[in-house]
């Protein structure tokens, strides 16, 4: 997935990731997990998503677009930028090592 900056959001628990669209020319690749949510359960699922997260379109490396979690840009003011790690799983693994 490209054209996003990746953050570890402040607050919690739990710690949460945040993807913020970056229209700049430098594209960073972020690994994502893809989940299937039945359409009949999507509304209930959406109702439980806390701000600053929301659902938006995310372009995958193969050119397809899926709906995924994105983040409101203002949440990055107190977040840690972790784009260079490339995945949330890597961020979590590094937290357990420290």
PDB file of N, CA and C in Angstrom:
ATOM      1  N   UNK A   1       0.845  -1.153   0.000  1.00  0.00           N
ATOM      2  CA  UNK A   1       0.000   0.000   0.000  1.00  0.00           C
ATOM      3  C   UNK A   1       0.893   1.218   0.000  1.00  0.00           C
ATOM      4  N   UNK A   2       0.581   2.212  -0.824  1.00  0.00           N
ATOM      5  CA  UNK A   2       1.442   3.374  -0.957  1.00  0.00           C
ATOM      6  C   UNK A   2       0.663   4.673  -0.772  1.00  0.00           C
ATOM      7  N   UNK A   3       1.423   5.753  -0.682  1.00  0.00           N
ATOM      8  CA  UNK A   3       0.884   7.107  -0.522  1.00  0.00           C
ATOM      9  C   UNK A   3       0.194   7.336   0.812  1.00  0.00           C
ATOM     10  N   UNK A   4       0.714   6.722   1.843  1.00  0.00           N
ATOM     11  CA  UNK A   4       0.237   6.944   3.197  1.00  0.00           C
ATOM     12  C   UNK A   4       1.439   7.113   4.126  1.00  0.00           C
ATOM     13  N   UNK A   5       1.248   7.908   5.162  1.00  0.00           N
ATOM     14  CA  UNK A   5       2.190   7.952   6.266  1.00  0.00           C
ATOM     15  C   UNK A   5       1.557   7.137   7.384  1.00  0.00           C
ATOM     16  N   UNK A   6       2.388   6.521   8.195  1.00  0.00           N
ATOM     17  CA  UNK A   6       1.936   5.557   9.188  1.00  0.00           C
ATOM     18  C   UNK A   6       2.330   6.031  10.580  1.00  0.00           C
ATOM     19  N   UNK A   7       1.395   5.972  11.519  1.00  0.00           N
ATOM     20  CA  UNK A   7       1.611   6.494  12.864  1.00  0.00           C
ATOM     21  C   UNK A   7       1.156   5.504  13.930  1.00  0.00           C
ATOM     22  N   UNK A   8       1.823   5.580  15.081  1.00  0.00           N
ATOM     23  CA  UNK A   8       1.336   4.943  16.305  1.00  0.00           C
ATOM     24  C   UNK A   8       0.629   6.065  17.053  1.00  0.00           C
ATOM     25  N   UNK A   9      -0.689   5.953  17.173  1.00  0.00           N
ATOM     26  CA  UNK A   9      -1.482   7.020  17.774  1.00  0.00           C
ATOM     27  C   UNK A   9      -1.276   7.068  19.285  1.00  0.00           C
ATOM     28  N   UNK A  10      -1.342   8.267  19.838  1.00  0.00           N
ATOM     29  CA  UNK A  10      -1.232   8.401  21.290  1.00  0.00           C
ATOM     30  C   UNK A  10      -2.562   8.005  21.925  1.00  0.00           C
ATOM     31  N   UNK A  11      -2.539   7.809  23.224  1.00  0.00           N
ATOM     32  CA  UNK A  11      -3.761   7.392  23.923  1.00  0.00           C
ATOM     33  C   UNK A  11      -3.800   5.885  24.064  1.00  0.00           C
ATOM     34  N   UNK A  12      -4.974   5.416  24.370  1.00  0.00           N
ATOM     35  CA  UNK A  12      -5.129   3.980  24.569  1.00  0.00           C
ATOM     36  C   UNK A  12      -5.124   3.673  26.048  1.00  0.00           C
ATOM     37  N   UNK A  13      -5.058   2.474  26.501  1.00  0.00           N
ATOM     38  CA  UNK A  13      -4.957   1.314  25.635  1.00  0.00           C
ATOM     39  C   UNK A  13      -6.269   1.034  24.908  1.00  0.00           C
ATOM     40  N   UNK A  14      -6.213   0.320  23.851  1.00  0.00           N
ATOM     41  CA  UNK A  14      -5.036  -0.272  23.228  1.00  0.00           C
ATOM     42  C   UNK A  14      -4.312   0.756  22.351  1.00  0.00           C
ATOM     43  N   UNK A  15      -3.035   0.499  22.052  1.00  0.00           N
ATOM     44  CA  UNK A  15      -2.338   1.326  21.084  1.00  0.00           C
ATOM     45  C   UNK A  15      -2.972   1.051  19.728  1.00  0.00           C
ATOM     46  N   UNK A  16      -3.034   2.083  18.913  1.00  0.00           N
ATOM     47  CA  UNK A  16      -3.703   1.935  17.613  1.00  0.00           C
ATOM     48  C   UNK A  16      -2.857   2.547  16.510  1.00  0.00           C
ATOM     49  N   UNK A  17      -2.910   1.939  15.320  1.00  0.00           N
ATOM     50  CA  UNK A  17      -2.212   2.518  14.176  1.00  0.00           C
ATOM     51  C   UNK A  17      -3.088   3.550  13.478  1.00  0.00           C
ATOM     52  N   UNK A  18      -2.447   4.453  12.765  1.00  0.00           N
ATOM     53  CA  UNK A  18      -3.183   5.420  11.963  1.00  0.00           C
ATOM     54  C   UNK A  18      -2.498   5.629  10.627  1.00  0.00           C
ATOM     55  N   UNK A  19      -3.245   5.486   9.558  1.00  0.00           N
ATOM     56  CA  UNK A  19      -2.759   5.761   8.203  1.00  0.00           C
ATOM     57  C   UNK A  19      -3.325   7.101   7.762  1.00  0.00           C
ATOM     58  N   UNK A  20      -2.456   7.991   7.310  1.00  0.00           N
ATOM     59  CA  UNK A  20      -2.885   9.295   6.821  1.00  0.00           C
ATOM     60  C   UNK A  20      -2.408   9.430   5.385  1.00  0.00           C
ATOM     61  N   UNK A  21      -3.336   9.750   4.495  1.00  0.00           N
ATOM     62  CA  UNK A  21      -2.997   9.870   3.074  1.00  0.00           C
ATOM     63  C   UNK A  21      -1.962  10.975   2.881  1.00  0.00           C
ATOM     64  N   UNK A  22      -0.940  10.673   2.081  1.00  0.00           N
ATOM     65  CA  UNK A  22       0.106  11.623   1.749  1.00  0.00           C
ATOM     66  C   UNK A  22       0.174  11.699   0.230  1.00  0.00           C
ATOM     67  N   UNK A  23      -0.301  12.795  -0.350  1.00  0.00           N
ATOM     68  CA  UNK A  23      -0.335  12.889  -1.812  1.00  0.00           C
ATOM     69  C   UNK A  23       1.022  13.175  -2.437  1.00  0.00           C
ATOM     70  N   UNK A  24       2.080  13.266  -1.635  1.00  0.00           N
ATOM     71  CA  UNK A  24       3.417  13.572  -2.134  1.00  0.00           C
ATOM     72  C   UNK A  24       3.953  12.506  -3.072  1.00  0.00           C
ATOM     73  N   UNK A  25       5.042  12.835  -3.767  1.00  0.00           N
ATOM     74  CA  UNK A  25       5.605  11.909  -4.760  1.00  0.00           C
ATOM     75  C   UNK A  25       6.322  10.702  -4.153  1.00  0.00           C
ATOM     76  N   UNK A  26       6.773  10.807  -2.906  1.00  0.00           N
ATOM     77  CA  UNK A  26       7.452   9.678  -2.281  1.00  0.00           C
ATOM     78  C   UNK A  26       6.421   8.726  -1.713  1.00  0.00           C
ATOM     79  N   UNK A  27       6.422   7.522  -2.206  1.00  0.00           N
ATOM     80  CA  UNK A  27       5.470   6.520  -1.738  1.00  0.00           C
ATOM     81  C   UNK A  27       6.162   5.557  -0.791  1.00  0.00           C
ATOM     82  N   UNK A  28       5.552   5.342   0.356  1.00  0.00           N
ATOM     83  CA  UNK A  28       6.066   4.365   1.310  1.00  0.00           C
ATOM     84  C   UNK A  28       5.167   3.145   1.269  1.00  0.00           C
ATOM     85  N   UNK A  29       5.761   1.998   1.399  1.00  0.00           N
ATOM     86  CA  UNK A  29       5.011   0.749   1.367  1.00  0.00           C
ATOM     87  C   UNK A  29       4.703   0.302   2.791  1.00  0.00           C
ATOM     88  N   UNK A  30       3.432   0.058   3.080  1.00  0.00           N
ATOM     89  CA  UNK A  30       2.982  -0.379   4.396  1.00  0.00           C
ATOM     90  C   UNK A  30       2.256  -1.713   4.220  1.00  0.00           C
ATOM     91  N   UNK A  31       2.658  -2.723   4.966  1.00  0.00           N
ATOM     92  CA  UNK A  31       1.976  -4.020   4.918  1.00  0.00           C
ATOM     93  C   UNK A  31       0.642  -3.904   5.656  1.00  0.00           C
ATOM     94  N   UNK A  32      -0.388  -4.527   5.125  1.00  0.00           N
ATOM     95  CA  UNK A  32      -1.712  -4.499   5.753  1.00  0.00           C
ATOM     96  C   UNK A  32      -2.267  -5.905   5.886  1.00  0.00           C
ATOM     97  N   UNK A  33      -3.183  -6.054   6.821  1.00  0.00           N
ATOM     98  CA  UNK A  33      -3.963  -7.285   6.946  1.00  0.00           C
ATOM     99  C   UNK A  33      -5.299  -7.020   6.276  1.00  0.00           C
ATOM    100  N   UNK A  34      -5.789  -7.982   5.519  1.00  0.00           N
ATOM    101  CA  UNK A  34      -7.078  -7.822   4.849  1.00  0.00           C
ATOM    102  C   UNK A  34      -8.075  -8.760   5.505  1.00  0.00           C
ATOM    103  N   UNK A  35      -9.183  -8.182   5.947  1.00  0.00           N
ATOM    104  CA  UNK A  35     -10.238  -8.914   6.635  1.00  0.00           C
ATOM    105  C   UNK A  35     -11.518  -8.838   5.816  1.00  0.00           C
ATOM    106  N   UNK A  36     -12.343  -9.846   5.913  1.00  0.00           N
ATOM    107  CA  UNK A  36     -13.654  -9.853   5.272  1.00  0.00           C
ATOM    108  C   UNK A  36     -14.706  -9.587   6.346  1.00  0.00           C
ATOM    109  N   UNK A  37     -15.520  -8.564   6.122  1.00  0.00           N
ATOM    110  CA  UNK A  37     -16.614  -8.242   7.040  1.00  0.00           C
ATOM    111  C   UNK A  37     -17.910  -8.357   6.238  1.00  0.00           C
ATOM    112  N   UNK A  38     -18.834  -9.191   6.666  1.00  0.00           N
ATOM    113  CA  UNK A  38     -20.094  -9.327   5.925  1.00  0.00           C
ATOM    114  C   UNK A  38     -20.825  -7.984   5.837  1.00  0.00           C
ATOM    115  N   UNK A  39     -21.400  -7.689   4.699  1.00  0.00           N
ATOM    116  CA  UNK A  39     -22.143  -6.436   4.509  1.00  0.00           C
ATOM    117  C   UNK A  39     -23.212  -6.265   5.586  1.00  0.00           C
ATOM    118  N   UNK A  40     -23.844  -7.352   6.008  1.00  0.00           N
ATOM    119  CA  UNK A  40     -24.908  -7.275   7.010  1.00  0.00           C
ATOM    120  C   UNK A  40     -24.382  -6.817   8.368  1.00  0.00           C
ATOM    121  N   UNK A  41     -23.084  -6.924   8.610  1.00  0.00           N
ATOM    122  CA  UNK A  41     -22.499  -6.526   9.892  1.00  0.00           C
ATOM    123  C   UNK A  41     -21.706  -5.224   9.808  1.00  0.00           C
ATOM    124  N   UNK A  42     -21.594  -4.654   8.617  1.00  0.00           N
ATOM    125  CA  UNK A  42     -20.726  -3.495   8.422  1.00  0.00           C
ATOM    126  C   UNK A  42     -21.175  -2.260   9.216  1.00  0.00           C
ATOM    127  N   UNK A  43     -22.454  -2.002   9.250  1.00  0.00           N
ATOM    128  CA  UNK A  43     -22.972  -0.846  10.000  1.00  0.00           C
ATOM    129  C   UNK A  43     -22.659  -0.949  11.481  1.00  0.00           C
ATOM    130  N   UNK A  44     -22.864  -2.092  12.053  1.00  0.00           N
ATOM    131  CA  UNK A  44     -22.562  -2.324  13.468  1.00  0.00           C
ATOM    132  C   UNK A  44     -21.064  -2.175  13.717  1.00  0.00           C
ATOM    133  N   UNK A  45     -20.270  -2.695  12.797  1.00  0.00           N
ATOM    134  CA  UNK A  45     -18.819  -2.572  12.888  1.00  0.00           C
ATOM    135  C   UNK A  45     -18.409  -1.098  12.849  1.00  0.00           C
ATOM    136  N   UNK A  46     -18.950  -0.339  11.912  1.00  0.00           N
ATOM    137  CA  UNK A  46     -18.632   1.094  11.773  1.00  0.00           C
ATOM    138  C   UNK A  46     -18.985   1.878  13.032  1.00  0.00           C
ATOM    139  N   UNK A  47     -20.077   1.535  13.663  1.00  0.00           N
ATOM    140  CA  UNK A  47     -20.528   2.263  14.852  1.00  0.00           C
ATOM    141  C   UNK A  47     -19.521   2.146  15.999  1.00  0.00           C
ATOM    142  N   UNK A  48     -18.705   1.122  15.990  1.00  0.00           N
ATOM    143  CA  UNK A  48     -17.742   0.922  17.063  1.00  0.00           C
ATOM    144  C   UNK A  48     -16.361   1.505  16.795  1.00  0.00           C
ATOM    145  N   UNK A  49     -16.170   2.148  15.652  1.00  0.00           N
ATOM    146  CA  UNK A  49     -14.854   2.698  15.316  1.00  0.00           C
ATOM    147  C   UNK A  49     -14.694   4.061  15.986  1.00  0.00           C
ATOM    148  N   UNK A  50     -13.721   4.189  16.894  1.00  0.00           N
ATOM    149  CA  UNK A  50     -13.546   5.448  17.613  1.00  0.00           C
ATOM    150  C   UNK A  50     -12.772   6.487  16.787  1.00  0.00           C
ATOM    151  N   UNK A  51     -13.106   7.741  16.980  1.00  0.00           N
ATOM    152  CA  UNK A  51     -12.346   8.825  16.391  1.00  0.00           C
ATOM    153  C   UNK A  51     -10.929   8.767  16.955  1.00  0.00           C
ATOM    154  N   UNK A  52      -9.930   9.034  16.205  1.00  0.00           N
ATOM    155  CA  UNK A  52      -9.847   9.693  14.904  1.00  0.00           C
ATOM    156  C   UNK A  52      -9.823   8.728  13.723  1.00  0.00           C
ATOM    157  N   UNK A  53     -10.151   7.450  13.954  1.00  0.00           N
ATOM    158  CA  UNK A  53     -10.156   6.476  12.869  1.00  0.00           C
ATOM    159  C   UNK A  53     -11.443   6.557  12.075  1.00  0.00           C
ATOM    160  N   UNK A  54     -11.359   6.181  10.805  1.00  0.00           N
ATOM    161  CA  UNK A  54     -12.527   6.101   9.944  1.00  0.00           C
ATOM    162  C   UNK A  54     -12.230   5.071   8.855  1.00  0.00           C
ATOM    163  N   UNK A  55     -13.179   4.884   7.968  1.00  0.00           N
ATOM    164  CA  UNK A  55     -12.995   3.950   6.857  1.00  0.00           C
ATOM    165  C   UNK A  55     -12.846   4.765   5.575  1.00  0.00           C
ATOM    166  N   UNK A  56     -11.853   4.396   4.789  1.00  0.00           N
ATOM    167  CA  UNK A  56     -11.623   5.071   3.517  1.00  0.00           C
ATOM    168  C   UNK A  56     -11.047   4.101   2.512  1.00  0.00           C
ATOM    169  N   UNK A  57     -10.814   4.582   1.313  1.00  0.00           N
ATOM    170  CA  UNK A  57     -10.244   3.737   0.262  1.00  0.00           C
ATOM    171  C   UNK A  57      -8.735   3.681   0.394  1.00  0.00           C
ATOM    172  N   UNK A  58      -8.208   2.469   0.293  1.00  0.00           N
ATOM    173  CA  UNK A  58      -6.776   2.223   0.402  1.00  0.00           C
ATOM    174  C   UNK A  58      -6.351   1.463  -0.854  1.00  0.00           C
ATOM    175  N   UNK A  59      -5.355   1.996  -1.558  1.00  0.00           N
ATOM    176  CA  UNK A  59      -4.849   1.344  -2.768  1.00  0.00           C
ATOM    177  C   UNK A  59      -3.768   0.345  -2.400  1.00  0.00           C
ATOM    178  N   UNK A  60      -3.901  -0.866  -2.916  1.00  0.00           N
ATOM    179  CA  UNK A  60      -2.923  -1.914  -2.665  1.00  0.00           C
ATOM    180  C   UNK A  60      -1.861  -1.922  -3.763  1.00  0.00           C
ATOM    181  N   UNK A  61      -0.760  -2.600  -3.516  1.00  0.00           N
ATOM    182  CA  UNK A  61       0.357  -2.636  -4.460  1.00  0.00           C
ATOM    183  C   UNK A  61      -0.037  -3.199  -5.820  1.00  0.00           C
ATOM    184  N   UNK A  62      -1.034  -4.085  -5.845  1.00  0.00           N
ATOM    185  CA  UNK A  62      -1.444  -4.675  -7.128  1.00  0.00           C
ATOM    186  C   UNK A  62      -2.434  -3.792  -7.893  1.00  0.00           C
ATOM    187  N   UNK A  63      -2.710  -2.595  -7.363  1.00  0.00           N
ATOM    188  CA  UNK A  63      -3.598  -1.660  -8.052  1.00  0.00           C
ATOM    189  C   UNK A  63      -5.047  -1.730  -7.622  1.00  0.00           C
ATOM    190  N   UNK A  64      -5.430  -2.744  -6.869  1.00  0.00           N
ATOM    191  CA  UNK A  64      -6.808  -2.817  -6.396  1.00  0.00           C
ATOM    192  C   UNK A  64      -7.005  -1.868  -5.218  1.00  0.00           C
ATOM    193  N   UNK A  65      -8.239  -1.513  -4.973  1.00  0.00           N
ATOM    194  CA  UNK A  65      -8.580  -0.646  -3.847  1.00  0.00           C
ATOM    195  C   UNK A  65      -9.516  -1.407  -2.923  1.00  0.00           C
ATOM    196  N   UNK A  66      -9.273  -1.266  -1.632  1.00  0.00           N
ATOM    197  CA  UNK A  66     -10.127  -1.881  -0.618  1.00  0.00           C
ATOM    198  C   UNK A  66     -10.514  -0.807   0.385  1.00  0.00           C
ATOM    199  N   UNK A  67     -11.540  -1.083   1.153  1.00  0.00           N
ATOM    200  CA  UNK A  67     -11.904  -0.184   2.249  1.00  0.00           C
ATOM    201  C   UNK A  67     -11.049  -0.570   3.449  1.00  0.00           C
ATOM    202  N   UNK A  68     -10.520   0.424   4.119  1.00  0.00           N
ATOM    203  CA  UNK A  68      -9.657   0.158   5.256  1.00  0.00           C
ATOM    204  C   UNK A  68      -9.655   1.313   6.235  1.00  0.00           C
ATOM    205  N   UNK A  69      -8.999   1.094   7.363  1.00  0.00           N
ATOM    206  CA  UNK A  69      -8.886   2.141   8.374  1.00  0.00           C
ATOM    207  C   UNK A  69      -7.946   3.236   7.905  1.00  0.00           C
ATOM    208  N   UNK A  70      -8.398   4.464   7.981  1.00  0.00           N
ATOM    209  CA  UNK A  70      -7.552   5.621   7.781  1.00  0.00           C
ATOM    210  C   UNK A  70      -7.733   6.517   8.996  1.00  0.00           C
ATOM    211  N   UNK A  71      -6.930   7.549   9.085  1.00  0.00           N
ATOM    212  CA  UNK A  71      -6.910   8.371  10.283  1.00  0.00           C
ATOM    213  C   UNK A  71      -7.036   9.848   9.923  1.00  0.00           C
ATOM    214  N   UNK A  72      -7.712  10.603  10.780  1.00  0.00           N
ATOM    215  CA  UNK A  72      -7.797  12.052  10.600  1.00  0.00           C
ATOM    216  C   UNK A  72      -6.409  12.641  10.868  1.00  0.00           C
ATOM    217  N   UNK A  73      -5.955  13.540  10.011  1.00  0.00           N
ATOM    218  CA  UNK A  73      -4.601  14.077  10.077  1.00  0.00           C
ATOM    219  C   UNK A  73      -4.289  14.772  11.399  1.00  0.00           C
ATOM    220  N   UNK A  74      -5.278  15.399  12.026  1.00  0.00           N
ATOM    221  CA  UNK A  74      -4.992  16.122  13.276  1.00  0.00           C
ATOM    222  C   UNK A  74      -4.506  15.203  14.397  1.00  0.00           C
ATOM    223  N   UNK A  75      -4.797  13.913  14.313  1.00  0.00           N
ATOM    224  CA  UNK A  75      -4.357  12.964  15.345  1.00  0.00           C
ATOM    225  C   UNK A  75      -2.852  12.755  15.318  1.00  0.00           C
ATOM    226  N   UNK A  76      -2.196  13.150  14.235  1.00  0.00           N
ATOM    227  CA  UNK A  76      -0.756  12.933  14.134  1.00  0.00           C
ATOM    228  C   UNK A  76       0.049  13.939  14.960  1.00  0.00           C
ATOM    229  N   UNK A  77      -0.581  14.989  15.446  1.00  0.00           N
ATOM    230  CA  UNK A  77       0.136  16.001  16.232  1.00  0.00           C
ATOM    231  C   UNK A  77       0.765  15.401  17.491  1.00  0.00           C
ATOM    232  N   UNK A  78       0.138  14.374  18.054  1.00  0.00           N
ATOM    233  CA  UNK A  78       0.656  13.737  19.273  1.00  0.00           C
ATOM    234  C   UNK A  78       1.041  12.280  19.045  1.00  0.00           C
ATOM    235  N   UNK A  79       1.154  11.887  17.783  1.00  0.00           N
ATOM    236  CA  UNK A  79       1.468  10.497  17.433  1.00  0.00           C
ATOM    237  C   UNK A  79       2.938  10.345  17.077  1.00  0.00           C
ATOM    238  N   UNK A  80       3.403   9.098  17.082  1.00  0.00           N
ATOM    239  CA  UNK A  80       4.769   8.786  16.646  1.00  0.00           C
ATOM    240  C   UNK A  80       4.712   8.281  15.211  1.00  0.00           C
ATOM    241  N   UNK A  81       5.495   8.893  14.334  1.00  0.00           N
ATOM    242  CA  UNK A  81       5.517   8.490  12.938  1.00  0.00           C
ATOM    243  C   UNK A  81       6.367   7.220  12.800  1.00  0.00           C
ATOM    244  N   UNK A  82       5.780   6.159  12.234  1.00  0.00           N
ATOM    245  CA  UNK A  82       6.453   4.856  12.150  1.00  0.00           C
ATOM    246  C   UNK A  82       6.458   4.299  10.726  1.00  0.00           C
ATOM    247  N   UNK A  83       6.316   5.169   9.733  1.00  0.00           N
ATOM    248  CA  UNK A  83       6.246   4.726   8.343  1.00  0.00           C
ATOM    249  C   UNK A  83       7.423   3.831   7.974  1.00  0.00           C
ATOM    250  N   UNK A  84       8.606   4.172   8.441  1.00  0.00           N
ATOM    251  CA  UNK A  84       9.802   3.422   8.055  1.00  0.00           C
ATOM    252  C   UNK A  84       9.782   1.964   8.524  1.00  0.00           C
ATOM    253  N   UNK A  85       8.968   1.650   9.519  1.00  0.00           N
ATOM    254  CA  UNK A  85       8.873   0.262   9.987  1.00  0.00           C
ATOM    255  C   UNK A  85       8.121  -0.627   9.000  1.00  0.00           C
ATOM    256  N   UNK A  86       7.209  -0.057   8.240  1.00  0.00           N
ATOM    257  CA  UNK A  86       6.538  -0.803   7.187  1.00  0.00           C
ATOM    258  C   UNK A  86       5.362  -1.667   7.577  1.00  0.00           C
ATOM    259  N   UNK A  87       5.124  -1.854   8.892  1.00  0.00           N
ATOM    260  CA  UNK A  87       3.956  -2.648   9.288  1.00  0.00           C
ATOM    261  C   UNK A  87       3.655  -2.450  10.770  1.00  0.00           C
ATOM    262  N   UNK A  88       2.399  -2.621  11.121  1.00  0.00           N
ATOM    263  CA  UNK A  88       1.985  -2.539  12.521  1.00  0.00           C
ATOM    264  C   UNK A  88       2.541  -3.715  13.305  1.00  0.00           C
ATOM    265  N   UNK A  89       2.569  -4.877  12.688  1.00  0.00           N
ATOM    266  CA  UNK A  89       3.107  -6.060  13.375  1.00  0.00           C
ATOM    267  C   UNK A  89       4.572  -5.853  13.769  1.00  0.00           C
ATOM    268  N   UNK A  90       5.336  -5.193  12.906  1.00  0.00           N
ATOM    269  CA  UNK A  90       6.745  -4.922  13.231  1.00  0.00           C
ATOM    270  C   UNK A  90       6.824  -3.938  14.406  1.00  0.00           C
ATOM    271  N   UNK A  91       5.979  -2.914  14.388  1.00  0.00           N
ATOM    272  CA  UNK A  91       5.953  -1.949  15.492  1.00  0.00           C
ATOM    273  C   UNK A  91       5.665  -2.658  16.811  1.00  0.00           C
ATOM    274  N   UNK A  92       4.650  -3.513  16.831  1.00  0.00           N
ATOM    275  CA  UNK A  92       4.270  -4.242  18.049  1.00  0.00           C
ATOM    276  C   UNK A  92       5.414  -5.152  18.503  1.00  0.00           C
ATOM    277  N   UNK A  93       6.046  -5.835  17.562  1.00  0.00           N
ATOM    278  CA  UNK A  93       7.159  -6.727  17.912  1.00  0.00           C
ATOM    279  C   UNK A  93       8.292  -5.949  18.560  1.00  0.00           C
ATOM    280  N   UNK A  94       8.567  -4.755  18.064  1.00  0.00           N
ATOM    281  CA  UNK A  94       9.633  -3.940  18.646  1.00  0.00           C
ATOM    282  C   UNK A  94       9.256  -3.439  20.041  1.00  0.00           C
ATOM    283  N   UNK A  95       7.976  -3.256  20.309  1.00  0.00           N
ATOM    284  CA  UNK A  95       7.539  -2.807  21.639  1.00  0.00           C
ATOM    285  C   UNK A  95       7.748  -3.898  22.675  1.00  0.00           C
ATOM    286  N   UNK A  96       7.587  -5.145  22.281  1.00  0.00           N
ATOM    287  CA  UNK A  96       7.732  -6.242  23.226  1.00  0.00           C
ATOM    288  C   UNK A  96       9.198  -6.548  23.521  1.00  0.00           C
ATOM    289  N   UNK A  97      10.096  -6.109  22.635  1.00  0.00           N
ATOM    290  CA  UNK A  97      11.528  -6.322  22.822  1.00  0.00           C
ATOM    291  C   UNK A  97      12.089  -5.320  23.818  1.00  0.00           C
ATOM    292  N   UNK A  98      11.571  -4.099  23.788  1.00  0.00           N
ATOM    293  CA  UNK A  98      12.103  -3.020  24.648  1.00  0.00           C
ATOM    294  C   UNK A  98      11.739  -3.195  26.104  1.00  0.00           C
TER     295      UNK A  98
END
